[in-house]
C-alpha atoms as a PDB file:
ATOM      1  CA  UNK A   1      17.708  24.003 -19.402  1.00  0.00           C
ATOM      2  CA  UNK A   2      17.323  20.161 -19.786  1.00  0.00           C
ATOM      3  CA  UNK A   3      13.890  18.777 -20.247  1.00  0.00           C
ATOM      4  CA  UNK A   4      12.854  16.272 -17.614  1.00  0.00           C
ATOM      5  CA  UNK A   5      11.282  12.857 -18.691  1.00  0.00           C
ATOM      6  CA  UNK A   6       8.114  11.667 -17.413  1.00  0.00           C
ATOM      7  CA  UNK A   7      10.060   8.981 -15.566  1.00  0.00           C
ATOM      8  CA  UNK A   8      12.000  11.459 -13.683  1.00  0.00           C
ATOM      9  CA  UNK A   9       8.865  13.425 -12.769  1.00  0.00           C
ATOM     10  CA  UNK A  10       6.998  10.116 -11.534  1.00  0.00           C
ATOM     11  CA  UNK A  11      10.040   9.362  -9.234  1.00  0.00           C
ATOM     12  CA  UNK A  12      10.110  12.800  -7.921  1.00  0.00           C
ATOM     13  CA  UNK A  13       6.339  12.661  -6.977  1.00  0.00           C
ATOM     14  CA  UNK A  14       6.795   9.265  -5.401  1.00  0.00           C
ATOM     15  CA  UNK A  15       9.531  10.324  -3.000  1.00  0.00           C
ATOM     16  CA  UNK A  16       7.693  13.419  -2.221  1.00  0.00           C
ATOM     17  CA  UNK A  17       4.574  11.407  -1.224  1.00  0.00           C
ATOM     18  CA  UNK A  18       6.361   8.623   0.440  1.00  0.00           C
ATOM     19  CA  UNK A  19       8.023  11.000   2.669  1.00  0.00           C
ATOM     20  CA  UNK A  20       4.758  11.960   4.190  1.00  0.00           C
ATOM     21  CA  UNK A  21       3.271   8.582   4.216  1.00  0.00           C
ATOM     22  CA  UNK A  22       5.561   6.604   6.603  1.00  0.00           C
ATOM     23  CA  UNK A  23       4.438   3.546   8.760  1.00  0.00           C
ATOM     24  CA  UNK A  24       5.743   3.041  12.194  1.00  0.00           C
ATOM     25  CA  UNK A  25       5.388   0.101  14.572  1.00  0.00           C
ATOM     26  CA  UNK A  26       2.939   2.383  16.802  1.00  0.00           C
ATOM     27  CA  UNK A  27       1.022   3.549  13.857  1.00  0.00           C
ATOM     28  CA  UNK A  28       1.472   1.213  10.760  1.00  0.00           C
ATOM     29  CA  UNK A  29       0.380   2.242   7.311  1.00  0.00           C
ATOM     30  CA  UNK A  30      -2.775   0.692   5.808  1.00  0.00           C
ATOM     31  CA  UNK A  31      -2.814  -0.192   1.980  1.00  0.00           C
ATOM     32  CA  UNK A  32      -5.941  -1.159   0.341  1.00  0.00           C
ATOM     33  CA  UNK A  33      -6.124  -2.440  -3.224  1.00  0.00           C
ATOM     34  CA  UNK A  34      -9.721  -2.805  -4.649  1.00  0.00           C
ATOM     35  CA  UNK A  35     -10.381  -4.580  -7.777  1.00  0.00           C
ATOM     36  CA  UNK A  36     -13.657  -5.216  -9.683  1.00  0.00           C
ATOM     37  CA  UNK A  37     -14.134  -8.421  -7.720  1.00  0.00           C
ATOM     38  CA  UNK A  38     -12.247  -8.523  -4.551  1.00  0.00           C
ATOM     39  CA  UNK A  39     -10.531  -6.350  -1.993  1.00  0.00           C
ATOM     40  CA  UNK A  40      -7.088  -6.813  -0.333  1.00  0.00           C
ATOM     41  CA  UNK A  41      -5.586  -5.015   2.534  1.00  0.00           C
ATOM     42  CA  UNK A  42      -2.183  -4.751   4.341  1.00  0.00           C
ATOM     43  CA  UNK A  43      -0.941  -3.390   7.506  1.00  0.00           C
ATOM     44  CA  UNK A  44       2.580  -2.291   6.972  1.00  0.00           C
ATOM     45  CA  UNK A  45       5.740  -1.186   9.201  1.00  0.00           C
ATOM     46  CA  UNK A  46       7.744   0.589   6.844  1.00  0.00           C
ATOM     47  CA  UNK A  47      10.570   1.243   9.489  1.00  0.00           C
ATOM     48  CA  UNK A  48      11.218  -2.413   9.703  1.00  0.00           C
ATOM     49  CA  UNK A  49      10.154  -3.177   6.215  1.00  0.00           C
ATOM     50  CA  UNK A  50       7.596  -5.813   7.338  1.00  0.00           C
ATOM     51  CA  UNK A  51       3.815  -6.593   6.480  1.00  0.00           C
ATOM     52  CA  UNK A  52       2.307  -7.040   9.821  1.00  0.00           C
ATOM     53  CA  UNK A  53      -0.813  -8.622   8.681  1.00  0.00           C
ATOM     54  CA  UNK A  54      -2.778  -8.905   5.361  1.00  0.00           C
ATOM     55  CA  UNK A  55      -6.184 -10.042   4.263  1.00  0.00           C
ATOM     56  CA  UNK A  56      -7.778 -10.790   0.823  1.00  0.00           C
ATOM     57  CA  UNK A  57     -11.650 -11.016   0.106  1.00  0.00           C
ATOM     58  CA  UNK A  58     -11.048 -14.412  -1.814  1.00  0.00           C
ATOM     59  CA  UNK A  59      -9.510 -15.834   1.002  1.00  0.00           C
ATOM     60  CA  UNK A  60     -11.127 -19.044   2.716  1.00  0.00           C
ATOM     61  CA  UNK A  61     -11.830 -17.181   6.038  1.00  0.00           C
ATOM     62  CA  UNK A  62     -13.988 -14.442   4.355  1.00  0.00           C
ATOM     63  CA  UNK A  63     -15.478 -16.338   1.473  1.00  0.00           C
ATOM     64  CA  UNK A  64     -18.390 -17.550   3.389  1.00  0.00           C
ATOM     65  CA  UNK A  65     -19.134 -14.274   5.523  1.00  0.00           C
ATOM     66  CA  UNK A  66     -19.239 -12.099   2.692  1.00  0.00           C
ATOM     67  CA  UNK A  67     -22.186 -13.608   1.061  1.00  0.00           C
END
């Protein structure tokens, strides 16, 4: 029995998780990234491979409203 590398295990987990998390045009996927200073969010349609919209807390539209 061959020993699996950590990379192979990571790829297998990635495929298993991505199979359940699929964004459609009717119900897109929301991806949020949080750093120590800023937030970033994207609404993604995985069927077409397109980002529908995105926002970043450092953008000019949000900088004044966040305080």
